[in-house]
Amino acid sequence: AFDYLAESAEGGYNWIILDPPAIA
């Protein structure tokens, strides 16, 4: 997911869901 956001040129989303695992 981190790489996808950093490398993807595509935009235009109405919604982005960020539900990362519990790393803490």
PDB file of all heavy atoms in Angstrom:
ATOM      1  N   ALA A   1       0.819  -1.214   0.000  1.00  0.00           N
ATOM      2  CA  ALA A   1       0.000   0.000   0.000  1.00  0.00           C
ATOM      3  C   ALA A   1       0.849   1.259   0.000  1.00  0.00           C
ATOM      4  O   ALA A   1       0.538   2.245  -0.684  1.00  0.00           O
ATOM      5  CB  ALA A   1      -0.937  -0.011   1.197  1.00  0.00           C
ATOM      6  N   PHE A   2       1.942   1.266   0.765  1.00  0.00           N
ATOM      7  CA  PHE A   2       2.821   2.431   0.801  1.00  0.00           C
ATOM      8  C   PHE A   2       3.413   2.694  -0.582  1.00  0.00           C
ATOM      9  O   PHE A   2       3.428   3.836  -1.063  1.00  0.00           O
ATOM     10  CB  PHE A   2       3.943   2.214   1.819  1.00  0.00           C
ATOM     11  CG  PHE A   2       3.507   2.279   3.247  1.00  0.00           C
ATOM     12  CD1 PHE A   2       3.124   1.123   3.923  1.00  0.00           C
ATOM     13  CD2 PHE A   2       3.486   3.481   3.934  1.00  0.00           C
ATOM     14  CE1 PHE A   2       2.729   1.177   5.252  1.00  0.00           C
ATOM     15  CE2 PHE A   2       3.091   3.551   5.257  1.00  0.00           C
ATOM     16  CZ  PHE A   2       2.711   2.387   5.924  1.00  0.00           C
ATOM     17  N   ASP A   3       3.894   1.625  -1.221  1.00  0.00           N
ATOM     18  CA  ASP A   3       4.489   1.783  -2.553  1.00  0.00           C
ATOM     19  C   ASP A   3       3.443   2.197  -3.572  1.00  0.00           C
ATOM     20  O   ASP A   3       3.721   3.005  -4.471  1.00  0.00           O
ATOM     21  CB  ASP A   3       5.152   0.472  -2.990  1.00  0.00           C
ATOM     22  CG  ASP A   3       6.349   0.104  -2.122  1.00  0.00           C
ATOM     23  OD1 ASP A   3       6.873   0.987  -1.420  1.00  0.00           O
ATOM     24  OD2 ASP A   3       6.749  -1.082  -2.143  1.00  0.00           O
ATOM     25  N   TYR A   4       2.249   1.636  -3.444  1.00  0.00           N
ATOM     26  CA  TYR A   4       1.195   1.938  -4.413  1.00  0.00           C
ATOM     27  C   TYR A   4       0.875   3.430  -4.397  1.00  0.00           C
ATOM     28  O   TYR A   4       0.756   4.070  -5.451  1.00  0.00           O
ATOM     29  CB  TYR A   4      -0.053   1.132  -4.108  1.00  0.00           C
ATOM     30  CG  TYR A   4      -1.111   1.233  -5.180  1.00  0.00           C
ATOM     31  CD1 TYR A   4      -1.104   0.380  -6.281  1.00  0.00           C
ATOM     32  CD2 TYR A   4      -2.109   2.208  -5.110  1.00  0.00           C
ATOM     33  CE1 TYR A   4      -2.055   0.487  -7.276  1.00  0.00           C
ATOM     34  CE2 TYR A   4      -3.071   2.321  -6.099  1.00  0.00           C
ATOM     35  CZ  TYR A   4      -3.034   1.457  -7.181  1.00  0.00           C
ATOM     36  OH  TYR A   4      -3.973   1.580  -8.172  1.00  0.00           O
ATOM     37  N   LEU A   5       0.746   4.003  -3.192  1.00  0.00           N
ATOM     38  CA  LEU A   5       0.457   5.430  -3.099  1.00  0.00           C
ATOM     39  C   LEU A   5       1.606   6.267  -3.641  1.00  0.00           C
ATOM     40  O   LEU A   5       1.401   7.263  -4.330  1.00  0.00           O
ATOM     41  CB  LEU A   5       0.188   5.811  -1.643  1.00  0.00           C
ATOM     42  CG  LEU A   5      -1.203   5.526  -1.089  1.00  0.00           C
ATOM     43  CD1 LEU A   5      -1.264   5.885   0.387  1.00  0.00           C
ATOM     44  CD2 LEU A   5      -2.280   6.289  -1.860  1.00  0.00           C
ATOM     45  N   ALA A   6       2.828   5.864  -3.300  1.00  0.00           N
ATOM     46  CA  ALA A   6       3.995   6.655  -3.685  1.00  0.00           C
ATOM     47  C   ALA A   6       4.261   6.614  -5.185  1.00  0.00           C
ATOM     48  O   ALA A   6       4.757   7.590  -5.762  1.00  0.00           O
ATOM     49  CB  ALA A   6       5.220   6.172  -2.918  1.00  0.00           C
ATOM     50  N   GLU A   7       3.936   5.484  -5.832  1.00  0.00           N
ATOM     51  CA  GLU A   7       4.320   5.286  -7.224  1.00  0.00           C
ATOM     52  C   GLU A   7       3.188   5.485  -8.213  1.00  0.00           C
ATOM     53  O   GLU A   7       3.427   5.728  -9.400  1.00  0.00           O
ATOM     54  CB  GLU A   7       4.892   3.863  -7.384  1.00  0.00           C
ATOM     55  CG  GLU A   7       6.154   3.632  -6.556  1.00  0.00           C
ATOM     56  CD  GLU A   7       6.589   2.182  -6.551  1.00  0.00           C
ATOM     57  OE1 GLU A   7       5.935   1.369  -7.252  1.00  0.00           O
ATOM     58  OE2 GLU A   7       7.560   1.847  -5.843  1.00  0.00           O
ATOM     59  N   SER A   8       1.933   5.382  -7.754  1.00  0.00           N
ATOM     60  CA  SER A   8       0.805   5.486  -8.673  1.00  0.00           C
ATOM     61  C   SER A   8       0.567   6.936  -9.067  1.00  0.00           C
ATOM     62  O   SER A   8       0.559   7.839  -8.219  1.00  0.00           O
ATOM     63  CB  SER A   8      -0.461   4.916  -8.024  1.00  0.00           C
ATOM     64  OG  SER A   8      -1.581   5.121  -8.875  1.00  0.00           O
ATOM     65  N   ALA A   9       0.372   7.146 -10.345  1.00  0.00           N
ATOM     66  CA  ALA A   9       0.070   8.491 -10.843  1.00  0.00           C
ATOM     67  C   ALA A   9      -1.430   8.742 -10.883  1.00  0.00           C
ATOM     68  O   ALA A   9      -1.874   9.869 -11.115  1.00  0.00           O
ATOM     69  CB  ALA A   9       0.664   8.671 -12.242  1.00  0.00           C
ATOM     70  N   GLU A  10      -2.199   7.707 -10.654  1.00  0.00           N
ATOM     71  CA  GLU A  10      -3.649   7.820 -10.764  1.00  0.00           C
ATOM     72  C   GLU A  10      -4.212   8.558  -9.557  1.00  0.00           C
ATOM     73  O   GLU A  10      -3.787   8.373  -8.426  1.00  0.00           O
ATOM     74  CB  GLU A  10      -4.284   6.431 -10.860  1.00  0.00           C
ATOM     75  CG  GLU A  10      -5.764   6.458 -11.163  1.00  0.00           C
ATOM     76  CD  GLU A  10      -6.312   5.076 -11.430  1.00  0.00           C
ATOM     77  OE1 GLU A  10      -5.550   4.099 -11.302  1.00  0.00           O
ATOM     78  OE2 GLU A  10      -7.505   4.975 -11.750  1.00  0.00           O
ATOM     79  N   GLY A  11      -5.170   9.424  -9.800  1.00  0.00           N
ATOM     80  CA  GLY A  11      -5.835  10.168  -8.736  1.00  0.00           C
ATOM     81  C   GLY A  11      -7.323  10.224  -8.994  1.00  0.00           C
ATOM     82  O   GLY A  11      -7.900   9.329  -9.608  1.00  0.00           O
ATOM     83  N   GLY A  12      -7.935  11.276  -8.528  1.00  0.00           N
ATOM     84  CA  GLY A  12      -9.351  11.461  -8.787  1.00  0.00           C
ATOM     85  C   GLY A  12     -10.258  10.593  -7.946  1.00  0.00           C
ATOM     86  O   GLY A  12     -11.403  10.305  -8.347  1.00  0.00           O
ATOM     87  N   TYR A  13      -9.800  10.190  -6.776  1.00  0.00           N
ATOM     88  CA  TYR A  13     -10.640   9.362  -5.907  1.00  0.00           C
ATOM     89  C   TYR A  13     -11.547  10.237  -5.050  1.00  0.00           C
ATOM     90  O   TYR A  13     -11.166  11.330  -4.600  1.00  0.00           O
ATOM     91  CB  TYR A  13      -9.786   8.483  -4.994  1.00  0.00           C
ATOM     92  CG  TYR A  13      -9.059   7.383  -5.732  1.00  0.00           C
ATOM     93  CD1 TYR A  13      -7.695   7.483  -6.002  1.00  0.00           C
ATOM     94  CD2 TYR A  13      -9.748   6.257  -6.162  1.00  0.00           C
ATOM     95  CE1 TYR A  13      -7.026   6.480  -6.683  1.00  0.00           C
ATOM     96  CE2 TYR A  13      -9.083   5.244  -6.853  1.00  0.00           C
ATOM     97  CZ  TYR A  13      -7.725   5.360  -7.107  1.00  0.00           C
ATOM     98  OH  TYR A  13      -7.075   4.368  -7.790  1.00  0.00           O
ATOM     99  N   ASN A  14     -12.744   9.746  -4.827  1.00  0.00           N
ATOM    100  CA  ASN A  14     -13.671  10.392  -3.897  1.00  0.00           C
ATOM    101  C   ASN A  14     -13.482   9.894  -2.472  1.00  0.00           C
ATOM    102  O   ASN A  14     -13.814  10.598  -1.511  1.00  0.00           O
ATOM    103  CB  ASN A  14     -15.126  10.139  -4.325  1.00  0.00           C
ATOM    104  CG  ASN A  14     -15.397  10.564  -5.745  1.00  0.00           C
ATOM    105  OD1 ASN A  14     -15.392   9.733  -6.664  1.00  0.00           O
ATOM    106  ND2 ASN A  14     -15.641  11.850  -5.943  1.00  0.00           N
ATOM    107  N   TRP A  15     -12.973   8.671  -2.356  1.00  0.00           N
ATOM    108  CA  TRP A  15     -12.746   8.061  -1.050  1.00  0.00           C
ATOM    109  C   TRP A  15     -11.445   7.272  -1.071  1.00  0.00           C
ATOM    110  O   TRP A  15     -11.176   6.547  -2.031  1.00  0.00           O
ATOM    111  CB  TRP A  15     -13.882   7.086  -0.691  1.00  0.00           C
ATOM    112  CG  TRP A  15     -15.219   7.719  -0.500  1.00  0.00           C
ATOM    113  CD1 TRP A  15     -16.143   7.991  -1.467  1.00  0.00           C
ATOM    114  CD2 TRP A  15     -15.780   8.140   0.737  1.00  0.00           C
ATOM    115  NE1 TRP A  15     -17.250   8.564  -0.921  1.00  0.00           N
ATOM    116  CE2 TRP A  15     -17.066   8.673   0.445  1.00  0.00           C
ATOM    117  CE3 TRP A  15     -15.346   8.125   2.064  1.00  0.00           C
ATOM    118  CZ2 TRP A  15     -17.911   9.172   1.429  1.00  0.00           C
ATOM    119  CZ3 TRP A  15     -16.186   8.622   3.037  1.00  0.00           C
ATOM    120  CH2 TRP A  15     -17.441   9.151   2.723  1.00  0.00           C
ATOM    121  N   ILE A  16     -10.674   7.393   0.004  1.00  0.00           N
ATOM    122  CA  ILE A  16      -9.512   6.523   0.208  1.00  0.00           C
ATOM    123  C   ILE A  16      -9.594   5.964   1.625  1.00  0.00           C
ATOM    124  O   ILE A  16      -9.696   6.729   2.594  1.00  0.00           O
ATOM    125  CB  ILE A  16      -8.178   7.277   0.001  1.00  0.00           C
ATOM    126  CG1 ILE A  16      -8.085   7.807  -1.439  1.00  0.00           C
ATOM    127  CG2 ILE A  16      -6.998   6.359   0.311  1.00  0.00           C
ATOM    128  CD1 ILE A  16      -6.804   8.593  -1.718  1.00  0.00           C
ATOM    129  N   ILE A  17      -9.564   4.646   1.728  1.00  0.00           N
ATOM    130  CA  ILE A  17      -9.633   3.967   3.018  1.00  0.00           C
ATOM    131  C   ILE A  17      -8.227   3.545   3.417  1.00  0.00           C
ATOM    132  O   ILE A  17      -7.543   2.838   2.657  1.00  0.00           O
ATOM    133  CB  ILE A  17     -10.546   2.724   2.955  1.00  0.00           C
ATOM    134  CG1 ILE A  17     -11.861   3.033   2.228  1.00  0.00           C
ATOM    135  CG2 ILE A  17     -10.790   2.166   4.345  1.00  0.00           C
ATOM    136  CD1 ILE A  17     -12.708   4.076   2.874  1.00  0.00           C
ATOM    137  N   LEU A  18      -7.794   3.946   4.601  1.00  0.00           N
ATOM    138  CA  LEU A  18      -6.482   3.569   5.138  1.00  0.00           C
ATOM    139  C   LEU A  18      -6.714   2.758   6.409  1.00  0.00           C
ATOM    140  O   LEU A  18      -7.047   3.318   7.455  1.00  0.00           O
ATOM    141  CB  LEU A  18      -5.647   4.817   5.448  1.00  0.00           C
ATOM    142  CG  LEU A  18      -5.431   5.809   4.294  1.00  0.00           C
ATOM    143  CD1 LEU A  18      -4.706   7.053   4.804  1.00  0.00           C
ATOM    144  CD2 LEU A  18      -4.647   5.153   3.163  1.00  0.00           C
ATOM    145  N   ASP A  19      -6.549   1.454   6.306  1.00  0.00           N
ATOM    146  CA  ASP A  19      -6.795   0.575   7.460  1.00  0.00           C
ATOM    147  C   ASP A  19      -5.586  -0.329   7.683  1.00  0.00           C
ATOM    148  O   ASP A  19      -5.650  -1.549   7.512  1.00  0.00           O
ATOM    149  CB  ASP A  19      -8.057  -0.258   7.217  1.00  0.00           C
ATOM    150  CG  ASP A  19      -8.488  -1.045   8.445  1.00  0.00           C
ATOM    151  OD1 ASP A  19      -7.999  -0.734   9.550  1.00  0.00           O
ATOM    152  OD2 ASP A  19      -9.310  -1.976   8.301  1.00  0.00           O
ATOM    153  N   PRO A  20      -4.447   0.270   8.106  1.00  0.00           N
ATOM    154  CA  PRO A  20      -3.222  -0.525   8.259  1.00  0.00           C
ATOM    155  C   PRO A  20      -3.298  -1.465   9.453  1.00  0.00           C
ATOM    156  O   PRO A  20      -4.113  -1.266  10.365  1.00  0.00           O
ATOM    157  CB  PRO A  20      -2.148   0.548   8.480  1.00  0.00           C
ATOM    158  CG  PRO A  20      -2.889   1.678   9.125  1.00  0.00           C
ATOM    159  CD  PRO A  20      -4.249   1.679   8.471  1.00  0.00           C
ATOM    160  N   PRO A  21      -2.464  -2.493   9.479  1.00  0.00           N
ATOM    161  CA  PRO A  21      -2.444  -3.414  10.625  1.00  0.00           C
ATOM    162  C   PRO A  21      -1.957  -2.709  11.884  1.00  0.00           C
ATOM    163  O   PRO A  21      -1.316  -1.654  11.823  1.00  0.00           O
ATOM    164  CB  PRO A  21      -1.474  -4.514  10.182  1.00  0.00           C
ATOM    165  CG  PRO A  21      -0.610  -3.870   9.154  1.00  0.00           C
ATOM    166  CD  PRO A  21      -1.487  -2.875   8.449  1.00  0.00           C
ATOM    167  N   ALA A  22      -2.256  -3.325  13.033  1.00  0.00           N
ATOM    168  CA  ALA A  22      -1.860  -2.745  14.323  1.00  0.00           C
ATOM    169  C   ALA A  22      -0.379  -3.013  14.556  1.00  0.00           C
ATOM    170  O   ALA A  22      -0.011  -4.081  15.051  1.00  0.00           O
ATOM    171  CB  ALA A  22      -2.701  -3.331  15.442  1.00  0.00           C
ATOM    172  N   ILE A  23       0.452  -2.033  14.225  1.00  0.00           N
ATOM    173  CA  ILE A  23       1.893  -2.238  14.362  1.00  0.00           C
ATOM    174  C   ILE A  23       2.410  -1.721  15.704  1.00  0.00           C
ATOM    175  O   ILE A  23       3.601  -1.815  15.984  1.00  0.00           O
ATOM    176  CB  ILE A  23       2.659  -1.548  13.223  1.00  0.00           C
ATOM    177  CG1 ILE A  23       2.417  -0.031  13.236  1.00  0.00           C
ATOM    178  CG2 ILE A  23       2.277  -2.140  11.887  1.00  0.00           C
ATOM    179  CD1 ILE A  23       3.231   0.731  12.214  1.00  0.00           C
ATOM    180  N   ALA A  24       1.525  -1.172  16.533  1.00  0.00           N
ATOM    181  CA  ALA A  24       1.961  -0.606  17.816  1.00  0.00           C
ATOM    182  C   ALA A  24       1.186  -1.235  18.958  1.00  0.00           C
ATOM    183  O   ALA A  24       0.275  -0.647  19.514  1.00  0.00           O
ATOM    184  CB  ALA A  24       1.780   0.908  17.827  1.00  0.00           C
TER     185      ALA A  24
END
